[in-house]
């Protein structure tokens, strides 16, 4: 077989459009897979909590899901361009910079009787909110 040495006449915008379609296809497929797997893991954890399955199965399933999530995050960062990667990483930095001082301070204030016990669900959504706000701000030009 001979190699195709014809010049690529596809415009930069056509390449970008094709790349974006591939990106959204990848996002859709990986999200569907994550939801299905997370549902299965939730079922395994429920069965383990009822005593039907050994507890080790629930822990193995949870650790496996975390490992797959990390792998998908790494794969995602390898698929996007440099500007989008920088936006994602800056947003993650700000979300982590929010979480690290706030969560322990909330525990400390609780220990002193000044606030309620820290609620992980509130911290999770607040951290996601910081990520979302900083990501949108960067995408709107705040660099």
N, C-alpha and C. Protein backbone atom coordinates (compact mmCIF):
# COMPACT_ATOMS: atom_id res chain seq x y z
N UNK A 1 0.83 -1.18 0.00
CA UNK A 1 0.00 0.00 0.00
C UNK A 1 0.87 1.23 0.00
N UNK A 2 0.42 2.22 -0.71
CA UNK A 2 1.17 3.47 -0.77
C UNK A 2 0.56 4.46 0.22
N UNK A 3 1.42 5.25 0.80
CA UNK A 3 0.96 6.28 1.74
C UNK A 3 0.31 7.41 0.98
N UNK A 4 -0.68 8.01 1.57
CA UNK A 4 -1.34 9.15 0.96
C UNK A 4 -0.54 10.40 1.29
N UNK A 5 0.17 10.92 0.29
CA UNK A 5 1.01 12.10 0.49
C UNK A 5 0.33 13.37 0.01
N UNK A 6 -0.96 13.30 -0.27
CA UNK A 6 -1.67 14.49 -0.74
C UNK A 6 -1.74 15.50 0.40
N UNK A 7 -1.58 16.79 0.05
CA UNK A 7 -1.65 17.81 1.11
C UNK A 7 -3.05 17.85 1.72
N UNK A 8 -3.09 18.14 3.00
CA UNK A 8 -4.35 18.25 3.71
C UNK A 8 -4.96 19.61 3.41
N UNK A 9 -6.09 19.59 2.72
CA UNK A 9 -6.71 20.86 2.32
C UNK A 9 -7.80 21.29 3.28
N UNK A 10 -7.96 20.56 4.36
CA UNK A 10 -8.98 20.89 5.35
C UNK A 10 -8.58 22.18 6.08
N UNK A 11 -9.53 23.10 6.21
CA UNK A 11 -9.24 24.37 6.87
C UNK A 11 -9.07 24.17 8.38
N UNK A 12 -8.47 25.15 9.02
CA UNK A 12 -8.31 25.10 10.47
C UNK A 12 -9.64 25.07 11.19
N UNK A 13 -10.62 25.80 10.63
CA UNK A 13 -11.93 25.82 11.27
C UNK A 13 -12.62 24.46 11.14
N UNK A 14 -12.45 23.80 10.01
CA UNK A 14 -13.03 22.47 9.83
C UNK A 14 -12.39 21.47 10.80
N UNK A 15 -11.08 21.59 10.98
CA UNK A 15 -10.39 20.71 11.93
C UNK A 15 -10.89 20.97 13.35
N UNK A 16 -11.08 22.25 13.69
CA UNK A 16 -11.56 22.61 15.02
C UNK A 16 -12.97 22.07 15.23
N UNK A 17 -13.83 22.21 14.23
CA UNK A 17 -15.20 21.71 14.34
C UNK A 17 -15.21 20.21 14.53
N UNK A 18 -14.38 19.50 13.75
CA UNK A 18 -14.29 18.05 13.89
C UNK A 18 -13.78 17.67 15.28
N UNK A 19 -12.78 18.43 15.77
CA UNK A 19 -12.24 18.17 17.10
C UNK A 19 -13.30 18.38 18.17
N UNK A 20 -14.10 19.44 18.03
CA UNK A 20 -15.16 19.73 19.00
C UNK A 20 -16.22 18.63 18.99
N UNK A 21 -16.58 18.13 17.79
CA UNK A 21 -17.55 17.04 17.71
C UNK A 21 -17.02 15.80 18.42
N UNK A 22 -15.75 15.50 18.20
CA UNK A 22 -15.13 14.36 18.87
C UNK A 22 -15.09 14.55 20.37
N UNK A 23 -14.83 15.78 20.81
CA UNK A 23 -14.79 16.09 22.24
C UNK A 23 -16.15 15.85 22.87
N UNK A 24 -17.22 16.37 22.27
CA UNK A 24 -18.54 16.22 22.85
C UNK A 24 -19.02 14.77 22.79
N UNK A 25 -18.63 14.03 21.73
CA UNK A 25 -18.95 12.61 21.65
C UNK A 25 -18.27 11.87 22.81
N UNK A 26 -16.99 12.19 23.02
CA UNK A 26 -16.24 11.57 24.11
C UNK A 26 -16.88 11.90 25.46
N UNK A 27 -17.25 13.17 25.67
CA UNK A 27 -17.89 13.59 26.91
C UNK A 27 -19.20 12.82 27.14
N UNK A 28 -20.00 12.70 26.09
CA UNK A 28 -21.28 12.01 26.22
C UNK A 28 -21.08 10.54 26.58
N UNK A 29 -20.22 9.87 25.83
CA UNK A 29 -19.98 8.44 26.06
C UNK A 29 -19.40 8.21 27.46
N UNK A 30 -18.42 9.02 27.86
CA UNK A 30 -17.81 8.82 29.17
C UNK A 30 -18.79 9.13 30.30
N UNK A 31 -19.67 10.10 30.11
CA UNK A 31 -20.67 10.42 31.13
C UNK A 31 -21.68 9.28 31.26
N UNK A 32 -22.13 8.73 30.15
CA UNK A 32 -23.07 7.60 30.19
C UNK A 32 -22.42 6.41 30.89
N UNK A 33 -21.17 6.12 30.55
CA UNK A 33 -20.46 5.01 31.19
C UNK A 33 -20.34 5.27 32.69
N UNK A 34 -19.98 6.50 33.07
CA UNK A 34 -19.82 6.82 34.49
C UNK A 34 -21.12 6.65 35.26
N UNK A 35 -22.23 7.08 34.68
CA UNK A 35 -23.52 6.97 35.36
C UNK A 35 -23.91 5.49 35.53
N UNK A 36 -23.70 4.69 34.49
CA UNK A 36 -24.03 3.26 34.57
C UNK A 36 -23.16 2.57 35.62
N UNK A 37 -21.86 2.84 35.56
CA UNK A 37 -20.94 2.19 36.51
C UNK A 37 -21.23 2.66 37.93
N UNK A 38 -21.48 3.95 38.12
CA UNK A 38 -21.78 4.45 39.45
C UNK A 38 -23.07 3.84 40.00
N UNK A 39 -24.06 3.65 39.14
CA UNK A 39 -25.29 2.99 39.56
C UNK A 39 -25.03 1.55 40.00
N UNK A 40 -24.19 0.85 39.24
CA UNK A 40 -23.85 -0.53 39.60
C UNK A 40 -23.09 -0.57 40.93
N UNK A 41 -22.17 0.37 41.11
CA UNK A 41 -21.41 0.42 42.36
C UNK A 41 -22.32 0.76 43.53
N UNK A 42 -23.25 1.68 43.32
CA UNK A 42 -24.20 2.01 44.38
C UNK A 42 -25.02 0.76 44.76
N UNK A 43 -25.39 -0.04 43.77
CA UNK A 43 -26.10 -1.28 44.05
C UNK A 43 -25.24 -2.25 44.85
N UNK A 44 -23.96 -2.38 44.48
CA UNK A 44 -23.05 -3.25 45.23
C UNK A 44 -22.88 -2.78 46.67
N UNK A 45 -22.75 -1.47 46.85
CA UNK A 45 -22.59 -0.92 48.20
C UNK A 45 -23.86 -1.16 49.01
N UNK A 46 -25.03 -1.00 48.40
CA UNK A 46 -26.28 -1.27 49.10
C UNK A 46 -26.37 -2.73 49.52
N UNK A 47 -26.00 -3.63 48.61
CA UNK A 47 -26.02 -5.05 48.96
C UNK A 47 -25.03 -5.37 50.08
N UNK A 48 -23.87 -4.70 50.06
CA UNK A 48 -22.89 -4.92 51.12
C UNK A 48 -23.40 -4.38 52.45
N UNK A 49 -24.09 -3.24 52.42
CA UNK A 49 -24.62 -2.67 53.66
C UNK A 49 -25.74 -3.53 54.24
N UNK A 50 -26.44 -4.29 53.39
CA UNK A 50 -27.51 -5.18 53.86
C UNK A 50 -26.96 -6.54 54.28
N UNK A 51 -25.67 -6.76 54.05
CA UNK A 51 -25.06 -8.02 54.44
C UNK A 51 -25.11 -9.10 53.38
N UNK A 52 -25.65 -8.80 52.20
CA UNK A 52 -25.74 -9.78 51.12
C UNK A 52 -24.37 -10.06 50.51
N UNK A 53 -23.56 -9.03 50.40
CA UNK A 53 -22.20 -9.15 49.85
C UNK A 53 -21.18 -8.80 50.93
N UNK A 54 -19.97 -9.33 50.80
CA UNK A 54 -18.93 -8.93 51.75
C UNK A 54 -18.60 -7.43 51.61
N UNK A 55 -18.22 -6.83 52.71
CA UNK A 55 -17.88 -5.40 52.70
C UNK A 55 -16.70 -5.13 51.77
N UNK A 56 -15.80 -6.08 51.65
CA UNK A 56 -14.63 -5.89 50.78
C UNK A 56 -15.04 -5.64 49.34
N UNK A 57 -16.14 -6.23 48.89
CA UNK A 57 -16.62 -6.00 47.52
C UNK A 57 -16.98 -4.53 47.33
N UNK A 58 -17.64 -3.93 48.32
CA UNK A 58 -18.01 -2.52 48.24
C UNK A 58 -16.77 -1.63 48.19
N UNK A 59 -15.77 -1.96 49.02
CA UNK A 59 -14.56 -1.15 49.02
C UNK A 59 -13.79 -1.30 47.71
N UNK A 60 -13.71 -2.51 47.19
CA UNK A 60 -13.02 -2.73 45.91
C UNK A 60 -13.74 -1.98 44.79
N UNK A 61 -15.06 -2.01 44.79
CA UNK A 61 -15.84 -1.30 43.78
C UNK A 61 -15.62 0.21 43.89
N UNK A 62 -15.63 0.73 45.11
CA UNK A 62 -15.44 2.18 45.30
C UNK A 62 -14.04 2.61 44.86
N UNK A 63 -13.03 1.86 45.24
CA UNK A 63 -11.65 2.19 44.85
C UNK A 63 -11.49 2.07 43.34
N UNK A 64 -12.12 1.08 42.74
CA UNK A 64 -12.06 0.92 41.28
C UNK A 64 -12.68 2.12 40.58
N UNK A 65 -13.83 2.58 41.09
CA UNK A 65 -14.49 3.73 40.47
C UNK A 65 -13.61 4.97 40.58
N UNK A 66 -12.97 5.16 41.72
CA UNK A 66 -12.07 6.30 41.89
C UNK A 66 -10.91 6.21 40.91
N UNK A 67 -10.33 5.03 40.75
CA UNK A 67 -9.22 4.84 39.82
C UNK A 67 -9.65 5.13 38.37
N UNK A 68 -10.83 4.65 37.99
CA UNK A 68 -11.32 4.89 36.64
C UNK A 68 -11.61 6.38 36.44
N UNK A 69 -12.16 7.03 37.46
CA UNK A 69 -12.42 8.47 37.37
C UNK A 69 -11.12 9.24 37.15
N UNK A 70 -10.07 8.88 37.87
CA UNK A 70 -8.77 9.54 37.69
C UNK A 70 -8.24 9.29 36.29
N UNK A 71 -8.39 8.06 35.80
CA UNK A 71 -7.92 7.75 34.45
C UNK A 71 -8.67 8.58 33.41
N UNK A 72 -10.02 8.69 33.55
CA UNK A 72 -10.80 9.50 32.61
C UNK A 72 -10.41 10.97 32.70
N UNK A 73 -10.14 11.47 33.90
CA UNK A 73 -9.72 12.87 34.04
C UNK A 73 -8.39 13.10 33.32
N UNK A 74 -7.45 12.18 33.47
CA UNK A 74 -6.17 12.29 32.79
C UNK A 74 -6.35 12.21 31.27
N UNK A 75 -7.18 11.28 30.84
CA UNK A 75 -7.45 11.14 29.41
C UNK A 75 -8.13 12.39 28.86
N UNK A 76 -9.06 12.95 29.63
CA UNK A 76 -9.74 14.18 29.21
C UNK A 76 -8.74 15.32 29.03
N UNK A 77 -7.84 15.48 30.00
CA UNK A 77 -6.86 16.57 29.91
C UNK A 77 -5.90 16.37 28.72
N UNK A 78 -5.69 15.14 28.32
CA UNK A 78 -4.85 14.88 27.15
C UNK A 78 -5.58 15.14 25.84
N UNK A 79 -6.91 15.17 25.85
CA UNK A 79 -7.68 15.35 24.62
C UNK A 79 -7.98 16.82 24.30
N UNK A 80 -7.90 17.69 25.28
CA UNK A 80 -8.26 19.09 25.03
C UNK A 80 -7.02 19.90 24.67
N UNK A 81 -7.25 21.07 24.10
CA UNK A 81 -6.10 21.89 23.70
C UNK A 81 -5.50 22.61 24.90
N UNK A 82 -4.39 23.31 24.67
CA UNK A 82 -3.62 23.91 25.76
C UNK A 82 -4.41 24.96 26.52
N UNK A 83 -5.19 25.78 25.82
CA UNK A 83 -5.94 26.85 26.48
C UNK A 83 -7.02 26.26 27.38
N UNK A 84 -7.77 25.27 26.86
CA UNK A 84 -8.80 24.63 27.67
C UNK A 84 -8.19 23.89 28.86
N UNK A 85 -7.03 23.26 28.64
CA UNK A 85 -6.35 22.56 29.73
C UNK A 85 -5.94 23.56 30.81
N UNK A 86 -5.41 24.69 30.39
CA UNK A 86 -5.00 25.71 31.36
C UNK A 86 -6.21 26.22 32.14
N UNK A 87 -7.32 26.43 31.46
CA UNK A 87 -8.55 26.87 32.14
C UNK A 87 -9.01 25.85 33.17
N UNK A 88 -8.99 24.56 32.79
CA UNK A 88 -9.40 23.49 33.72
C UNK A 88 -8.46 23.44 34.92
N UNK A 89 -7.17 23.52 34.68
CA UNK A 89 -6.21 23.40 35.78
C UNK A 89 -6.26 24.61 36.71
N UNK A 90 -6.42 25.80 36.15
CA UNK A 90 -6.55 26.99 37.01
C UNK A 90 -7.81 26.90 37.86
N UNK A 91 -8.90 26.47 37.26
CA UNK A 91 -10.15 26.34 38.00
C UNK A 91 -10.02 25.30 39.12
N UNK A 92 -9.36 24.19 38.81
CA UNK A 92 -9.14 23.16 39.83
C UNK A 92 -8.27 23.71 40.95
N UNK A 93 -7.26 24.52 40.60
CA UNK A 93 -6.40 25.11 41.63
C UNK A 93 -7.21 26.00 42.57
N UNK A 94 -8.06 26.86 42.00
CA UNK A 94 -8.85 27.76 42.84
C UNK A 94 -9.85 26.99 43.70
N UNK A 95 -10.44 25.94 43.14
CA UNK A 95 -11.37 25.12 43.93
C UNK A 95 -10.64 24.45 45.09
N UNK A 96 -9.45 23.94 44.83
CA UNK A 96 -8.66 23.32 45.90
C UNK A 96 -8.21 24.37 46.91
N UNK A 97 -7.82 25.55 46.42
CA UNK A 97 -7.40 26.63 47.31
C UNK A 97 -8.57 27.10 48.18
N UNK A 98 -9.79 26.94 47.71
CA UNK A 98 -10.98 27.25 48.52
C UNK A 98 -11.19 26.15 49.57
N UNK A 99 -11.13 24.90 49.14
CA UNK A 99 -11.47 23.77 50.00
C UNK A 99 -10.47 23.60 51.15
N UNK A 100 -9.17 23.72 50.86
CA UNK A 100 -8.14 23.41 51.87
C UNK A 100 -8.28 24.26 53.13
N UNK A 101 -8.47 25.57 53.07
CA UNK A 101 -8.61 26.30 54.34
C UNK A 101 -10.03 26.26 54.93
N UNK A 102 -11.05 26.18 54.07
CA UNK A 102 -12.42 26.29 54.57
C UNK A 102 -12.84 25.07 55.37
N UNK A 103 -12.57 23.88 54.88
CA UNK A 103 -13.05 22.67 55.56
C UNK A 103 -12.44 22.52 56.96
N UNK A 104 -11.12 22.64 57.13
CA UNK A 104 -10.58 22.53 58.50
C UNK A 104 -11.06 23.67 59.42
N UNK A 105 -11.21 24.88 58.85
CA UNK A 105 -11.69 25.99 59.67
C UNK A 105 -13.11 25.73 60.15
N UNK A 106 -13.93 25.14 59.30
CA UNK A 106 -15.29 24.80 59.69
C UNK A 106 -15.26 23.79 60.85
N UNK A 107 -14.37 22.79 60.76
CA UNK A 107 -14.22 21.83 61.87
C UNK A 107 -13.78 22.55 63.15
N UNK A 108 -12.82 23.44 63.02
CA UNK A 108 -12.32 24.16 64.20
C UNK A 108 -13.43 25.00 64.84
N UNK A 109 -14.19 25.71 64.02
CA UNK A 109 -15.29 26.52 64.54
C UNK A 109 -16.35 25.64 65.18
N UNK A 110 -16.57 24.46 64.63
CA UNK A 110 -17.51 23.52 65.24
C UNK A 110 -16.99 23.04 66.60
N UNK A 111 -15.70 22.72 66.67
CA UNK A 111 -15.12 22.28 67.94
C UNK A 111 -15.27 23.35 69.02
N UNK A 112 -15.28 24.61 68.64
CA UNK A 112 -15.45 25.71 69.59
C UNK A 112 -16.92 26.04 69.84
N UNK A 113 -17.84 25.33 69.18
CA UNK A 113 -19.27 25.51 69.40
C UNK A 113 -19.87 26.70 68.67
N UNK A 114 -19.21 27.21 67.65
CA UNK A 114 -19.70 28.40 66.96
C UNK A 114 -20.56 28.09 65.74
N UNK A 115 -20.39 26.92 65.14
CA UNK A 115 -21.16 26.55 63.95
C UNK A 115 -21.58 25.09 64.06
N UNK A 116 -22.48 24.68 63.15
CA UNK A 116 -22.91 23.29 63.09
C UNK A 116 -21.75 22.41 62.60
N UNK A 117 -21.95 21.09 62.72
CA UNK A 117 -20.96 20.15 62.23
C UNK A 117 -20.78 20.32 60.72
N UNK A 118 -19.54 20.28 60.21
CA UNK A 118 -19.31 20.45 58.77
C UNK A 118 -20.08 19.42 57.95
N UNK A 119 -20.74 19.90 56.93
CA UNK A 119 -21.52 19.02 56.08
C UNK A 119 -20.79 18.81 54.76
N UNK A 120 -20.33 17.58 54.52
CA UNK A 120 -19.55 17.31 53.30
C UNK A 120 -20.30 17.65 52.02
N UNK A 121 -21.62 17.45 52.01
CA UNK A 121 -22.40 17.75 50.81
C UNK A 121 -22.32 19.24 50.47
N UNK A 122 -22.41 20.08 51.49
CA UNK A 122 -22.32 21.53 51.26
C UNK A 122 -20.92 21.89 50.76
N UNK A 123 -19.90 21.29 51.37
CA UNK A 123 -18.53 21.57 50.93
C UNK A 123 -18.29 21.09 49.50
N UNK A 124 -18.85 19.94 49.16
CA UNK A 124 -18.70 19.41 47.80
C UNK A 124 -19.30 20.38 46.79
N UNK A 125 -20.54 20.79 47.02
CA UNK A 125 -21.20 21.69 46.07
C UNK A 125 -20.58 23.08 46.07
N UNK A 126 -20.11 23.55 47.21
CA UNK A 126 -19.43 24.85 47.25
C UNK A 126 -18.12 24.79 46.46
N UNK A 127 -17.37 23.70 46.61
CA UNK A 127 -16.13 23.55 45.87
C UNK A 127 -16.40 23.45 44.37
N UNK A 128 -17.44 22.69 44.00
CA UNK A 128 -17.82 22.62 42.58
C UNK A 128 -18.25 23.99 42.07
N UNK A 129 -18.94 24.75 42.91
CA UNK A 129 -19.35 26.09 42.53
C UNK A 129 -18.16 27.00 42.28
N UNK A 130 -17.16 26.93 43.14
CA UNK A 130 -15.95 27.74 42.93
C UNK A 130 -15.28 27.33 41.62
N UNK A 131 -15.21 26.03 41.38
CA UNK A 131 -14.62 25.55 40.12
C UNK A 131 -15.39 26.11 38.93
N UNK A 132 -16.72 26.00 38.97
CA UNK A 132 -17.55 26.45 37.85
C UNK A 132 -17.42 27.95 37.62
N UNK A 133 -17.46 28.73 38.69
CA UNK A 133 -17.36 30.19 38.56
C UNK A 133 -15.99 30.59 37.99
N UNK A 134 -14.92 29.99 38.50
CA UNK A 134 -13.60 30.35 37.98
C UNK A 134 -13.40 29.86 36.56
N UNK A 135 -13.96 28.71 36.22
CA UNK A 135 -13.85 28.22 34.84
C UNK A 135 -14.58 29.16 33.89
N UNK A 136 -15.82 29.55 34.25
CA UNK A 136 -16.57 30.47 33.40
C UNK A 136 -15.88 31.82 33.29
N UNK A 137 -15.33 32.31 34.39
CA UNK A 137 -14.62 33.60 34.36
C UNK A 137 -13.43 33.53 33.42
N UNK A 138 -12.69 32.45 33.46
CA UNK A 138 -11.53 32.30 32.55
C UNK A 138 -11.99 32.18 31.11
N UNK A 139 -13.08 31.45 30.87
CA UNK A 139 -13.57 31.30 29.50
C UNK A 139 -14.11 32.62 28.95
N UNK A 140 -14.55 33.50 29.85
CA UNK A 140 -15.05 34.80 29.43
C UNK A 140 -13.93 35.84 29.29
N UNK A 141 -12.69 35.41 29.51
CA UNK A 141 -11.57 36.31 29.25
C UNK A 141 -10.78 36.74 30.47
N UNK A 142 -11.18 36.35 31.67
CA UNK A 142 -10.41 36.72 32.86
C UNK A 142 -9.23 35.76 32.97
N UNK A 143 -8.09 36.20 32.50
CA UNK A 143 -6.91 35.33 32.49
C UNK A 143 -5.84 35.93 33.31
